[in-house]
Amino acid sequence: MVALNMKIKIIATLFFLSLGSFFLCINVGFGQILSGQEYHSQVRQAVATGNSDRVRELFNVQRGEALRFIEALLDSAMVKKARDEITAGQREWDAAKALADLYADLFGDSYYRERALRYGKFDSSGIKQKAKLIQIKNQARQTLLKGDFQPSLKTYEQALNLAKEIGDVDDEAVIIGNMGVAHYFLGEFDISLKYYQEALTLLERIGNRRRMGDQLGN
């Protein structure tokens, strides 16, 4: 039982950390420190100027931040398209796809390339539903980070139902994992473990090996 509780605690902590902070500071070498926002800005600048070597350098320095940026671009693309900002949304999607392709070439991990392609298949109705899902999911995450675990579960439940409705297995896996975090901090360990196992099953199905490894702590 002690070993099981320790395993749950490790996975819970990793899921909680995977929520991330947009302004997390990272070391990019030569003593320079960039916030997440500055990192994203530098990647954008390197892409805009066609400096693929600089993009590779930034990716190699902090892979996790690179993935968060790709995720942010994909979500931004959906939100902008839902607002009928089609050109701007397509530009964000194109950037996300290009970065996902580069990431796959660098690290042999094609998950984000395939995720970008899945996002690209949403029709107009699906795009609006996806934008709504992003809004609800972000509300739930902010509530969770504040330590309001019970209210976060209610909001995550809404997000989960919507993710299932539109067939968004990527967000479904993340949402279920974060619901496991909330249950863990509520002391509901058996329920928490059930959610973690379900999330890991989904992550394995969609080939998100990096996140699987993060959650398993290896």
N, C-alpha and C. Protein backbone atom coordinates (compact mmCIF):
# COMPACT_ATOMS: atom_id res chain seq x y z
N MET A 1 0.83 -1.21 0.00
CA MET A 1 0.00 0.00 0.00
C MET A 1 0.87 1.26 0.00
N VAL A 2 1.96 1.23 0.79
CA VAL A 2 2.85 2.38 0.83
C VAL A 2 3.46 2.63 -0.54
N ALA A 3 3.92 1.53 -1.18
CA ALA A 3 4.52 1.65 -2.51
C ALA A 3 3.51 2.18 -3.52
N LEU A 4 2.27 1.70 -3.43
CA LEU A 4 1.23 2.16 -4.34
C LEU A 4 0.95 3.64 -4.16
N ASN A 5 0.83 4.05 -2.90
CA ASN A 5 0.58 5.47 -2.63
C ASN A 5 1.73 6.35 -3.11
N MET A 6 2.97 5.85 -2.98
CA MET A 6 4.12 6.60 -3.46
C MET A 6 4.07 6.74 -4.98
N LYS A 7 3.68 5.64 -5.67
CA LYS A 7 3.57 5.67 -7.13
C LYS A 7 2.52 6.69 -7.56
N ILE A 8 1.37 6.67 -6.87
CA ILE A 8 0.31 7.62 -7.18
C ILE A 8 0.81 9.04 -6.97
N LYS A 9 1.55 9.24 -5.86
CA LYS A 9 2.05 10.58 -5.56
C LYS A 9 3.00 11.07 -6.64
N ILE A 10 3.88 10.18 -7.12
CA ILE A 10 4.82 10.56 -8.17
C ILE A 10 4.09 10.94 -9.44
N ILE A 11 3.12 10.11 -9.85
CA ILE A 11 2.37 10.38 -11.09
C ILE A 11 1.56 11.65 -10.94
N ALA A 12 0.96 11.84 -9.77
CA ALA A 12 0.16 13.05 -9.54
C ALA A 12 1.02 14.29 -9.66
N THR A 13 2.19 14.23 -9.06
CA THR A 13 3.09 15.39 -9.11
C THR A 13 3.50 15.69 -10.55
N LEU A 14 3.80 14.65 -11.31
CA LEU A 14 4.21 14.85 -12.70
C LEU A 14 3.08 15.40 -13.55
N PHE A 15 1.87 14.90 -13.34
CA PHE A 15 0.73 15.44 -14.06
C PHE A 15 0.53 16.91 -13.70
N PHE A 16 0.66 17.22 -12.41
CA PHE A 16 0.47 18.60 -11.96
C PHE A 16 1.52 19.51 -12.59
N LEU A 17 2.76 19.05 -12.60
CA LEU A 17 3.82 19.85 -13.22
C LEU A 17 3.61 19.99 -14.71
N SER A 18 3.00 18.98 -15.34
CA SER A 18 2.80 19.04 -16.79
C SER A 18 1.78 20.09 -17.19
N LEU A 19 1.01 20.60 -16.21
CA LEU A 19 0.11 21.72 -16.50
C LEU A 19 0.92 22.90 -16.99
N GLY A 20 2.12 23.03 -16.44
CA GLY A 20 3.06 24.05 -16.93
C GLY A 20 2.68 25.45 -16.49
N SER A 21 3.66 26.31 -16.61
CA SER A 21 3.45 27.74 -16.42
C SER A 21 4.02 28.46 -17.61
N PHE A 22 3.19 29.28 -18.25
CA PHE A 22 3.61 29.97 -19.48
C PHE A 22 4.85 30.83 -19.23
N PHE A 23 5.01 31.27 -18.00
CA PHE A 23 6.14 32.15 -17.70
C PHE A 23 7.25 31.44 -16.95
N LEU A 24 7.29 30.11 -17.07
CA LEU A 24 8.35 29.34 -16.45
C LEU A 24 9.70 29.77 -17.01
N CYS A 25 10.68 30.01 -16.15
CA CYS A 25 12.00 30.44 -16.62
C CYS A 25 12.85 29.23 -16.97
N ILE A 26 13.63 29.33 -18.04
CA ILE A 26 14.45 28.24 -18.49
C ILE A 26 15.84 28.77 -18.83
N ASN A 27 16.83 27.89 -18.68
CA ASN A 27 18.20 28.26 -19.00
C ASN A 27 18.50 27.91 -20.44
N VAL A 28 18.92 28.89 -21.23
CA VAL A 28 19.19 28.63 -22.65
C VAL A 28 20.67 28.77 -22.98
N GLY A 29 21.50 28.66 -21.99
CA GLY A 29 22.94 28.65 -22.25
C GLY A 29 23.57 30.02 -22.12
N PHE A 30 24.89 30.01 -21.93
CA PHE A 30 25.67 31.24 -21.81
C PHE A 30 25.13 32.15 -20.70
N GLY A 31 24.47 31.55 -19.69
CA GLY A 31 23.98 32.33 -18.57
C GLY A 31 22.70 33.10 -18.86
N GLN A 32 22.16 32.98 -20.06
CA GLN A 32 20.96 33.73 -20.42
C GLN A 32 19.72 32.97 -19.95
N ILE A 33 18.79 33.70 -19.36
CA ILE A 33 17.55 33.10 -18.89
C ILE A 33 16.39 33.69 -19.68
N LEU A 34 15.58 32.81 -20.25
CA LEU A 34 14.39 33.26 -20.98
C LEU A 34 13.14 32.75 -20.29
N SER A 35 12.16 33.60 -20.20
CA SER A 35 10.85 33.13 -19.74
C SER A 35 10.21 32.36 -20.87
N GLY A 36 9.14 31.64 -20.58
CA GLY A 36 8.43 30.92 -21.62
C GLY A 36 7.99 31.85 -22.73
N GLN A 37 7.51 33.03 -22.35
CA GLN A 37 7.03 34.00 -23.33
C GLN A 37 8.17 34.45 -24.24
N GLU A 38 9.34 34.71 -23.66
CA GLU A 38 10.49 35.14 -24.44
C GLU A 38 10.99 34.02 -25.36
N TYR A 39 10.94 32.81 -24.84
CA TYR A 39 11.33 31.64 -25.63
C TYR A 39 10.44 31.53 -26.87
N HIS A 40 9.13 31.63 -26.67
CA HIS A 40 8.19 31.54 -27.79
C HIS A 40 8.45 32.66 -28.79
N SER A 41 8.75 33.85 -28.27
CA SER A 41 9.02 34.99 -29.14
C SER A 41 10.25 34.73 -30.01
N GLN A 42 11.28 34.14 -29.41
CA GLN A 42 12.49 33.87 -30.16
C GLN A 42 12.28 32.78 -31.22
N VAL A 43 11.46 31.79 -30.90
CA VAL A 43 11.15 30.76 -31.89
C VAL A 43 10.39 31.39 -33.06
N ARG A 44 9.42 32.24 -32.74
CA ARG A 44 8.66 32.92 -33.80
C ARG A 44 9.60 33.74 -34.70
N GLN A 45 10.51 34.46 -34.08
CA GLN A 45 11.43 35.29 -34.84
C GLN A 45 12.32 34.44 -35.74
N ALA A 46 12.80 33.32 -35.19
CA ALA A 46 13.66 32.44 -35.98
C ALA A 46 12.90 31.84 -37.16
N VAL A 47 11.63 31.49 -36.95
CA VAL A 47 10.82 30.94 -38.03
C VAL A 47 10.57 32.01 -39.09
N ALA A 48 10.24 33.23 -38.64
CA ALA A 48 9.93 34.33 -39.56
C ALA A 48 11.12 34.67 -40.46
N THR A 49 12.33 34.52 -39.93
CA THR A 49 13.54 34.86 -40.70
C THR A 49 14.14 33.65 -41.39
N GLY A 50 13.47 32.51 -41.26
CA GLY A 50 13.96 31.30 -41.91
C GLY A 50 15.22 30.73 -41.29
N ASN A 51 15.45 31.06 -40.02
CA ASN A 51 16.67 30.61 -39.33
C ASN A 51 16.40 29.25 -38.66
N SER A 52 16.43 28.19 -39.45
CA SER A 52 16.12 26.86 -38.92
C SER A 52 17.17 26.38 -37.93
N ASP A 53 18.42 26.83 -38.09
CA ASP A 53 19.47 26.44 -37.13
C ASP A 53 19.15 26.97 -35.74
N ARG A 54 18.64 28.20 -35.67
CA ARG A 54 18.28 28.79 -34.37
C ARG A 54 17.09 28.06 -33.76
N VAL A 55 16.13 27.67 -34.60
CA VAL A 55 14.99 26.91 -34.09
C VAL A 55 15.47 25.58 -33.51
N ARG A 56 16.36 24.91 -34.22
CA ARG A 56 16.90 23.64 -33.71
C ARG A 56 17.63 23.84 -32.39
N GLU A 57 18.39 24.92 -32.31
CA GLU A 57 19.11 25.22 -31.07
C GLU A 57 18.14 25.40 -29.91
N LEU A 58 17.09 26.18 -30.14
CA LEU A 58 16.10 26.41 -29.09
C LEU A 58 15.38 25.12 -28.71
N PHE A 59 15.07 24.29 -29.70
CA PHE A 59 14.41 23.02 -29.43
C PHE A 59 15.31 22.11 -28.60
N ASN A 60 16.58 22.07 -28.94
CA ASN A 60 17.51 21.20 -28.22
C ASN A 60 17.73 21.65 -26.79
N VAL A 61 17.64 22.96 -26.56
CA VAL A 61 17.85 23.50 -25.23
C VAL A 61 16.73 23.09 -24.28
N GLN A 62 15.49 23.20 -24.76
CA GLN A 62 14.36 22.91 -23.86
C GLN A 62 13.20 22.32 -24.65
N ARG A 63 13.21 21.01 -24.75
CA ARG A 63 12.20 20.32 -25.55
C ARG A 63 10.80 20.54 -25.02
N GLY A 64 10.67 20.54 -23.70
CA GLY A 64 9.34 20.69 -23.10
C GLY A 64 8.70 22.02 -23.48
N GLU A 65 9.49 23.08 -23.46
CA GLU A 65 8.96 24.40 -23.82
C GLU A 65 8.59 24.45 -25.30
N ALA A 66 9.37 23.75 -26.13
CA ALA A 66 9.06 23.68 -27.55
C ALA A 66 7.69 23.04 -27.77
N LEU A 67 7.42 21.97 -27.04
CA LEU A 67 6.14 21.28 -27.17
C LEU A 67 4.99 22.15 -26.67
N ARG A 68 5.23 22.87 -25.58
CA ARG A 68 4.18 23.77 -25.09
C ARG A 68 3.86 24.84 -26.12
N PHE A 69 4.90 25.29 -26.84
CA PHE A 69 4.68 26.31 -27.86
C PHE A 69 3.86 25.75 -29.02
N ILE A 70 4.17 24.53 -29.44
CA ILE A 70 3.40 23.90 -30.52
C ILE A 70 1.94 23.75 -30.09
N GLU A 71 1.73 23.30 -28.86
CA GLU A 71 0.36 23.16 -28.34
C GLU A 71 -0.36 24.50 -28.32
N ALA A 72 0.36 25.54 -27.88
CA ALA A 72 -0.24 26.88 -27.82
C ALA A 72 -0.62 27.38 -29.21
N LEU A 73 0.23 27.11 -30.20
CA LEU A 73 -0.06 27.52 -31.57
C LEU A 73 -1.29 26.80 -32.11
N LEU A 74 -1.38 25.51 -31.84
CA LEU A 74 -2.53 24.74 -32.31
C LEU A 74 -3.82 25.25 -31.69
N ASP A 75 -3.79 25.51 -30.38
CA ASP A 75 -4.99 26.04 -29.72
C ASP A 75 -5.33 27.42 -30.25
N SER A 76 -4.31 28.26 -30.45
CA SER A 76 -4.53 29.60 -30.97
C SER A 76 -5.15 29.54 -32.36
N ALA A 77 -4.71 28.59 -33.17
CA ALA A 77 -5.27 28.43 -34.51
C ALA A 77 -6.75 28.13 -34.45
N MET A 78 -7.15 27.25 -33.54
CA MET A 78 -8.56 26.89 -33.42
C MET A 78 -9.40 28.07 -32.94
N VAL A 79 -8.89 28.80 -31.95
CA VAL A 79 -9.62 29.95 -31.41
C VAL A 79 -9.80 31.03 -32.47
N LYS A 80 -8.75 31.32 -33.21
CA LYS A 80 -8.84 32.36 -34.24
C LYS A 80 -9.77 31.96 -35.37
N LYS A 81 -9.71 30.71 -35.78
CA LYS A 81 -10.61 30.25 -36.84
C LYS A 81 -12.06 30.29 -36.37
N ALA A 82 -12.29 29.97 -35.10
CA ALA A 82 -13.64 30.02 -34.55
C ALA A 82 -14.19 31.44 -34.55
N ARG A 83 -13.29 32.42 -34.47
CA ARG A 83 -13.68 33.83 -34.52
C ARG A 83 -13.75 34.36 -35.95
N ASP A 84 -13.62 33.45 -36.91
CA ASP A 84 -13.61 33.80 -38.34
C ASP A 84 -12.37 34.59 -38.75
N GLU A 85 -11.31 34.49 -37.94
CA GLU A 85 -10.02 35.06 -38.33
C GLU A 85 -9.26 33.95 -39.06
N ILE A 86 -9.77 33.59 -40.23
CA ILE A 86 -9.31 32.39 -40.93
C ILE A 86 -7.84 32.48 -41.32
N THR A 87 -7.45 33.62 -41.89
CA THR A 87 -6.06 33.76 -42.34
C THR A 87 -5.09 33.67 -41.17
N ALA A 88 -5.40 34.39 -40.10
CA ALA A 88 -4.53 34.36 -38.92
C ALA A 88 -4.49 32.97 -38.30
N GLY A 89 -5.65 32.31 -38.25
CA GLY A 89 -5.71 30.97 -37.70
C GLY A 89 -4.91 29.98 -38.52
N GLN A 90 -5.02 30.10 -39.85
CA GLN A 90 -4.27 29.20 -40.72
C GLN A 90 -2.77 29.43 -40.58
N ARG A 91 -2.40 30.69 -40.39
CA ARG A 91 -0.98 31.01 -40.20
C ARG A 91 -0.45 30.35 -38.93
N GLU A 92 -1.23 30.36 -37.86
CA GLU A 92 -0.82 29.71 -36.61
C GLU A 92 -0.71 28.19 -36.80
N TRP A 93 -1.69 27.62 -37.53
CA TRP A 93 -1.65 26.18 -37.77
C TRP A 93 -0.44 25.81 -38.60
N ASP A 94 -0.17 26.59 -39.66
CA ASP A 94 0.98 26.32 -40.51
C ASP A 94 2.28 26.36 -39.71
N ALA A 95 2.40 27.34 -38.80
CA ALA A 95 3.59 27.45 -37.96
C ALA A 95 3.72 26.24 -37.04
N ALA A 96 2.60 25.83 -36.44
CA ALA A 96 2.60 24.67 -35.55
C ALA A 96 3.01 23.42 -36.31
N LYS A 97 2.48 23.25 -37.51
CA LYS A 97 2.79 22.06 -38.32
C LYS A 97 4.27 22.06 -38.70
N ALA A 98 4.80 23.22 -39.11
CA ALA A 98 6.21 23.31 -39.48
C ALA A 98 7.12 22.97 -38.30
N LEU A 99 6.77 23.48 -37.11
CA LEU A 99 7.57 23.19 -35.92
C LEU A 99 7.44 21.73 -35.51
N ALA A 100 6.24 21.18 -35.66
CA ALA A 100 6.03 19.77 -35.34
C ALA A 100 6.83 18.88 -36.28
N ASP A 101 6.90 19.27 -37.55
CA ASP A 101 7.71 18.52 -38.52
C ASP A 101 9.19 18.56 -38.13
N LEU A 102 9.65 19.74 -37.75
CA LEU A 102 11.05 19.89 -37.35
C LEU A 102 11.34 19.08 -36.10
N TYR A 103 10.42 19.12 -35.15
CA TYR A 103 10.58 18.35 -33.91
C TYR A 103 10.67 16.85 -34.23
N ALA A 104 9.80 16.39 -35.14
CA ALA A 104 9.82 14.98 -35.52
C ALA A 104 11.14 14.60 -36.17
N ASP A 105 11.66 15.47 -37.01
CA ASP A 105 12.93 15.22 -37.68
C ASP A 105 14.09 15.19 -36.68
N LEU A 106 14.03 16.08 -35.68
CA LEU A 106 15.11 16.18 -34.70
C LEU A 106 15.12 15.01 -33.72
N PHE A 107 13.93 14.64 -33.25
CA PHE A 107 13.85 13.71 -32.12
C PHE A 107 13.15 12.39 -32.45
N GLY A 108 12.71 12.23 -33.70
CA GLY A 108 12.06 10.98 -34.09
C GLY A 108 10.72 10.76 -33.43
N ASP A 109 10.05 11.84 -33.03
CA ASP A 109 8.75 11.76 -32.36
C ASP A 109 7.73 12.49 -33.23
N SER A 110 6.85 11.74 -33.88
CA SER A 110 5.91 12.33 -34.83
C SER A 110 4.54 12.63 -34.22
N TYR A 111 4.42 12.49 -32.90
CA TYR A 111 3.10 12.68 -32.28
C TYR A 111 2.52 14.05 -32.60
N TYR A 112 3.31 15.12 -32.44
CA TYR A 112 2.75 16.46 -32.62
C TYR A 112 2.46 16.76 -34.09
N ARG A 113 3.20 16.15 -34.99
CA ARG A 113 2.87 16.25 -36.42
C ARG A 113 1.49 15.65 -36.67
N GLU A 114 1.26 14.47 -36.12
CA GLU A 114 -0.03 13.80 -36.31
C GLU A 114 -1.15 14.55 -35.60
N ARG A 115 -0.84 15.14 -34.46
CA ARG A 115 -1.84 15.93 -33.74
C ARG A 115 -2.24 17.15 -34.56
N ALA A 116 -1.26 17.81 -35.17
CA ALA A 116 -1.55 18.97 -36.01
C ALA A 116 -2.46 18.57 -37.17
N LEU A 117 -2.20 17.42 -37.75
CA LEU A 117 -3.03 16.94 -38.85
C LEU A 117 -4.45 16.65 -38.38
N ARG A 118 -4.59 16.12 -37.17
CA ARG A 118 -5.94 15.87 -36.62
C ARG A 118 -6.69 17.19 -36.44
N TYR A 119 -5.99 18.20 -35.93
CA TYR A 119 -6.61 19.51 -35.75
C TYR A 119 -7.04 20.08 -37.10
N GLY A 120 -6.23 19.82 -38.13
CA GLY A 120 -6.53 20.35 -39.45
C GLY A 120 -7.77 19.73 -40.08
N LYS A 121 -8.26 18.63 -39.53
CA LYS A 121 -9.42 17.94 -40.10
C LYS A 121 -10.75 18.43 -39.51
N PHE A 122 -10.71 19.29 -38.49
CA PHE A 122 -11.96 19.79 -37.92
C PHE A 122 -12.70 20.63 -38.95
N ASP A 123 -14.02 20.38 -39.09
CA ASP A 123 -14.83 21.24 -39.94
C ASP A 123 -15.21 22.49 -39.16
N SER A 124 -15.99 23.39 -39.75
CA SER A 124 -16.31 24.67 -39.11
C SER A 124 -17.02 24.47 -37.77
N SER A 125 -17.92 23.51 -37.72
CA SER A 125 -18.63 23.23 -36.46
C SER A 125 -17.66 22.67 -35.43
N GLY A 126 -16.79 21.75 -35.85
CA GLY A 126 -15.81 21.17 -34.94
C GLY A 126 -14.84 22.20 -34.41
N ILE A 127 -14.47 23.17 -35.25
CA ILE A 127 -13.55 24.23 -34.83
C ILE A 127 -14.17 25.06 -33.71
N LYS A 128 -15.45 25.39 -33.86
CA LYS A 128 -16.12 26.19 -32.82
C LYS A 128 -16.24 25.41 -31.52
N GLN A 129 -16.53 24.12 -31.63
CA GLN A 129 -16.60 23.28 -30.44
C GLN A 129 -15.23 23.13 -29.79
N LYS A 130 -14.20 23.01 -30.63
CA LYS A 130 -12.85 22.90 -30.10
C LYS A 130 -12.44 24.17 -29.37
N ALA A 131 -12.79 25.33 -29.92
CA ALA A 131 -12.48 26.60 -29.26
C ALA A 131 -13.18 26.69 -27.91
N LYS A 132 -14.41 26.22 -27.86
CA LYS A 132 -15.15 26.20 -26.60
C LYS A 132 -14.48 25.26 -25.60
N LEU A 133 -14.02 24.13 -26.08
CA LEU A 133 -13.32 23.17 -25.23
C LEU A 133 -12.06 23.78 -24.64
N ILE A 134 -11.31 24.49 -25.46
CA ILE A 134 -10.08 25.14 -24.99
C ILE A 134 -10.39 26.11 -23.87
N GLN A 135 -11.45 26.89 -24.02
CA GLN A 135 -11.83 27.87 -23.00
C GLN A 135 -12.20 27.18 -21.69
N ILE A 136 -13.01 26.13 -21.76
CA ILE A 136 -13.43 25.41 -20.55
C ILE A 136 -12.24 24.73 -19.90
N LYS A 137 -11.40 24.11 -20.71
CA LYS A 137 -10.22 23.41 -20.19
C LYS A 137 -9.29 24.38 -19.46
N ASN A 138 -9.09 25.55 -20.03
CA ASN A 138 -8.22 26.54 -19.39
C ASN A 138 -8.81 27.05 -18.08
N GLN A 139 -10.13 27.20 -18.03
CA GLN A 139 -10.79 27.60 -16.79
C GLN A 139 -10.57 26.54 -15.71
N ALA A 140 -10.72 25.28 -16.10
CA ALA A 140 -10.53 24.18 -15.15
C ALA A 140 -9.08 24.15 -14.65
N ARG A 141 -8.14 24.37 -15.56
CA ARG A 141 -6.72 24.35 -15.17
C ARG A 141 -6.40 25.45 -14.18
N GLN A 142 -6.91 26.65 -14.42
CA GLN A 142 -6.66 27.76 -13.50
C GLN A 142 -7.26 27.46 -12.13
N THR A 143 -8.43 26.87 -12.11
CA THR A 143 -9.08 26.51 -10.84
C THR A 143 -8.26 25.45 -10.11
N LEU A 144 -7.75 24.48 -10.86
CA LEU A 144 -6.92 23.43 -10.26
C LEU A 144 -5.65 24.01 -9.68
N LEU A 145 -5.00 24.90 -10.42
CA LEU A 145 -3.74 25.48 -9.95
C LEU A 145 -3.93 26.33 -8.71
N LYS A 146 -5.14 26.85 -8.52
CA LYS A 146 -5.44 27.63 -7.31
C LYS A 146 -5.68 26.72 -6.11
N GLY A 147 -5.79 25.41 -6.36
CA GLY A 147 -6.05 24.47 -5.27
C GLY A 147 -7.52 24.25 -5.00
N ASP A 148 -8.38 24.74 -5.89
CA ASP A 148 -9.83 24.52 -5.75
C ASP A 148 -10.19 23.23 -6.50
N PHE A 149 -9.89 22.10 -5.88
CA PHE A 149 -9.92 20.83 -6.59
C PHE A 149 -11.33 20.36 -6.93
N GLN A 150 -12.27 20.51 -6.01
CA GLN A 150 -13.63 20.05 -6.28
C GLN A 150 -14.28 20.86 -7.41
N PRO A 151 -14.21 22.20 -7.36
CA PRO A 151 -14.75 22.97 -8.49
C PRO A 151 -14.06 22.67 -9.82
N SER A 152 -12.76 22.40 -9.77
CA SER A 152 -12.04 22.09 -11.01
C SER A 152 -12.56 20.80 -11.63
N LEU A 153 -12.94 19.85 -10.80
CA LEU A 153 -13.47 18.58 -11.32
C LEU A 153 -14.77 18.80 -12.09
N LYS A 154 -15.62 19.68 -11.58
CA LYS A 154 -16.89 19.96 -12.27
C LYS A 154 -16.63 20.58 -13.64
N THR A 155 -15.67 21.49 -13.69
CA THR A 155 -15.36 22.14 -14.97
C THR A 155 -14.67 21.16 -15.91
N TYR A 156 -13.77 20.34 -15.37
CA TYR A 156 -13.11 19.34 -16.20
C TYR A 156 -14.12 18.33 -16.76
N GLU A 157 -15.15 18.03 -15.99
CA GLU A 157 -16.18 17.10 -16.46
C GLU A 157 -16.88 17.66 -17.69
N GLN A 158 -17.16 18.96 -17.67
CA GLN A 158 -17.76 19.60 -18.85
C GLN A 158 -16.81 19.50 -20.04
N ALA A 159 -15.53 19.78 -19.80
CA ALA A 159 -14.54 19.72 -20.86
C ALA A 159 -14.40 18.30 -21.41
N LEU A 160 -14.44 17.32 -20.52
CA LEU A 160 -14.29 15.92 -20.94
C LEU A 160 -15.45 15.49 -21.84
N ASN A 161 -16.66 15.87 -21.44
CA ASN A 161 -17.83 15.52 -22.24
C ASN A 161 -17.73 16.13 -23.64
N LEU A 162 -17.26 17.36 -23.71
CA LEU A 162 -17.14 18.04 -25.00
C LEU A 162 -16.03 17.40 -25.84
N ALA A 163 -14.90 17.05 -25.19
CA ALA A 163 -13.80 16.40 -25.91
C ALA A 163 -14.27 15.08 -26.53
N LYS A 164 -15.04 14.31 -25.77
CA LYS A 164 -15.56 13.04 -26.29
C LYS A 164 -16.54 13.29 -27.43
N GLU A 165 -17.34 14.33 -27.28
CA GLU A 165 -18.35 14.64 -28.30
C GLU A 165 -17.72 14.93 -29.66
N ILE A 166 -16.59 15.64 -29.66
CA ILE A 166 -15.97 16.01 -30.93
C ILE A 166 -14.82 15.07 -31.31
N GLY A 167 -14.62 14.03 -30.50
CA GLY A 167 -13.59 13.04 -30.80
C GLY A 167 -12.17 13.55 -30.63
N ASP A 168 -11.97 14.46 -29.67
CA ASP A 168 -10.64 15.03 -29.43
C ASP A 168 -9.92 14.20 -28.37
N VAL A 169 -9.28 13.13 -28.82
CA VAL A 169 -8.65 12.20 -27.88
C VAL A 169 -7.42 12.82 -27.23
N ASP A 170 -6.78 13.79 -27.90
CA ASP A 170 -5.59 14.43 -27.33
C ASP A 170 -5.94 15.17 -26.04
N ASP A 171 -6.96 16.04 -26.11
CA ASP A 171 -7.37 16.75 -24.90
C ASP A 171 -8.07 15.84 -23.91
N GLU A 172 -8.74 14.82 -24.42
CA GLU A 172 -9.40 13.86 -23.52
C GLU A 172 -8.38 13.23 -22.57
N ALA A 173 -7.24 12.83 -23.10
CA ALA A 173 -6.19 12.21 -22.28
C ALA A 173 -5.67 13.18 -21.23
N VAL A 174 -5.42 14.43 -21.64
CA VAL A 174 -4.89 15.44 -20.70
C VAL A 174 -5.91 15.75 -19.61
N ILE A 175 -7.16 15.91 -20.01
CA ILE A 175 -8.22 16.25 -19.06
C ILE A 175 -8.38 15.14 -18.02
N ILE A 176 -8.41 13.90 -18.48
CA ILE A 176 -8.56 12.77 -17.56
C ILE A 176 -7.39 12.72 -16.59
N GLY A 177 -6.18 12.96 -17.10
CA GLY A 177 -5.01 12.97 -16.21
C GLY A 177 -5.10 14.05 -15.16
N ASN A 178 -5.56 15.23 -15.54
CA ASN A 178 -5.67 16.33 -14.58
C ASN A 178 -6.81 16.11 -13.59
N MET A 179 -7.83 15.39 -14.01
CA MET A 179 -8.87 15.00 -13.06
C MET A 179 -8.30 14.04 -12.02
N GLY A 180 -7.36 13.21 -12.46
CA GLY A 180 -6.66 12.34 -11.52
C GLY A 180 -5.88 13.13 -10.50
N VAL A 181 -5.26 14.24 -10.95
CA VAL A 181 -4.54 15.12 -10.02
C VAL A 181 -5.49 15.66 -8.96
N ALA A 182 -6.65 16.16 -9.40
CA ALA A 182 -7.61 16.74 -8.45
C ALA A 182 -8.06 15.70 -7.42
N HIS A 183 -8.37 14.50 -7.89
CA HIS A 183 -8.80 13.44 -6.96
C HIS A 183 -7.67 13.07 -5.99
N TYR A 184 -6.44 13.08 -6.49
CA TYR A 184 -5.32 12.77 -5.60
C TYR A 184 -5.24 13.77 -4.45
N PHE A 185 -5.30 15.06 -4.78
CA PHE A 185 -5.17 16.08 -3.74
C PHE A 185 -6.41 16.17 -2.86
N LEU A 186 -7.49 15.54 -3.29
CA LEU A 186 -8.67 15.42 -2.42
C LEU A 186 -8.56 14.18 -1.53
N GLY A 187 -7.48 13.42 -1.68
CA GLY A 187 -7.28 12.23 -0.87
C GLY A 187 -8.00 11.00 -1.39
N GLU A 188 -8.52 11.09 -2.62
CA GLU A 188 -9.28 9.98 -3.21
C GLU A 188 -8.34 9.16 -4.10
N PHE A 189 -7.48 8.38 -3.46
CA PHE A 189 -6.36 7.76 -4.16
C PHE A 189 -6.79 6.67 -5.15
N ASP A 190 -7.78 5.87 -4.77
CA ASP A 190 -8.23 4.81 -5.68
C ASP A 190 -8.83 5.41 -6.95
N ILE A 191 -9.63 6.45 -6.78
CA ILE A 191 -10.23 7.12 -7.94
C ILE A 191 -9.14 7.78 -8.77
N SER A 192 -8.20 8.39 -8.09
CA SER A 192 -7.09 9.05 -8.78
C SER A 192 -6.34 8.07 -9.66
N LEU A 193 -6.00 6.91 -9.12
CA LEU A 193 -5.24 5.92 -9.87
C LEU A 193 -6.03 5.46 -11.09
N LYS A 194 -7.33 5.32 -10.95
CA LYS A 194 -8.18 4.90 -12.07
C LYS A 194 -8.08 5.91 -13.22
N TYR A 195 -8.10 7.20 -12.88
CA TYR A 195 -8.00 8.24 -13.90
C TYR A 195 -6.63 8.24 -14.56
N TYR A 196 -5.57 8.06 -13.76
CA TYR A 196 -4.23 8.02 -14.34
C TYR A 196 -4.09 6.87 -15.33
N GLN A 197 -4.60 5.70 -14.93
CA GLN A 197 -4.49 4.53 -15.80
C GLN A 197 -5.25 4.74 -17.10
N GLU A 198 -6.43 5.37 -17.00
CA GLU A 198 -7.22 5.65 -18.20
C GLU A 198 -6.49 6.65 -19.11
N ALA A 199 -5.88 7.67 -18.49
CA ALA A 199 -5.14 8.66 -19.27
C ALA A 199 -3.95 8.01 -19.98
N LEU A 200 -3.22 7.16 -19.27
CA LEU A 200 -2.06 6.51 -19.87
C LEU A 200 -2.46 5.59 -21.02
N THR A 201 -3.60 4.93 -20.89
CA THR A 201 -4.10 4.09 -21.98
C THR A 201 -4.37 4.91 -23.23
N LEU A 202 -4.98 6.08 -23.04
CA LEU A 202 -5.26 6.97 -24.17
C LEU A 202 -3.97 7.50 -24.78
N LEU A 203 -3.02 7.89 -23.93
CA LEU A 203 -1.75 8.41 -24.42
C LEU A 203 -1.01 7.36 -25.25
N GLU A 204 -1.08 6.12 -24.81
CA GLU A 204 -0.44 5.04 -25.56
C GLU A 204 -1.13 4.86 -26.90
N ARG A 205 -2.45 4.97 -26.91
CA ARG A 205 -3.20 4.77 -28.15
C ARG A 205 -2.86 5.80 -29.21
N ILE A 206 -2.65 7.06 -28.78
CA ILE A 206 -2.37 8.12 -29.76
C ILE A 206 -0.87 8.31 -29.99
N GLY A 207 -0.05 7.52 -29.30
CA GLY A 207 1.38 7.56 -29.54
C GLY A 207 2.12 8.69 -28.88
N ASN A 208 1.56 9.25 -27.80
CA ASN A 208 2.23 10.35 -27.11
C ASN A 208 3.21 9.75 -26.10
N ARG A 209 4.30 9.24 -26.64
CA ARG A 209 5.25 8.50 -25.81
C ARG A 209 5.96 9.39 -24.79
N ARG A 210 6.27 10.62 -25.19
CA ARG A 210 6.97 11.52 -24.27
C ARG A 210 6.13 11.80 -23.04
N ARG A 211 4.86 12.12 -23.25
CA ARG A 211 4.00 12.41 -22.10
C ARG A 211 3.77 11.15 -21.26
N MET A 212 3.68 10.00 -21.92
CA MET A 212 3.55 8.74 -21.17
C MET A 212 4.75 8.58 -20.24
N GLY A 213 5.95 8.80 -20.78
CA GLY A 213 7.16 8.66 -19.97
C GLY A 213 7.17 9.64 -18.82
N ASP A 214 6.73 10.88 -19.07
CA ASP A 214 6.68 11.89 -18.01
C ASP A 214 5.76 11.42 -16.89
N GLN A 215 4.59 10.91 -17.26
CA GLN A 215 3.61 10.55 -16.24
C GLN A 215 4.04 9.32 -15.45
N LEU A 216 4.77 8.42 -16.11
CA LEU A 216 5.22 7.22 -15.42
C LEU A 216 6.50 7.46 -14.62
N GLY A 217 7.12 8.63 -14.85
CA GLY A 217 8.30 8.97 -14.07
C GLY A 217 9.55 8.24 -14.54
N ASN A 218 9.60 7.88 -15.85
CA ASN A 218 10.80 7.23 -16.36
C ASN A 218 11.26 7.91 -17.64
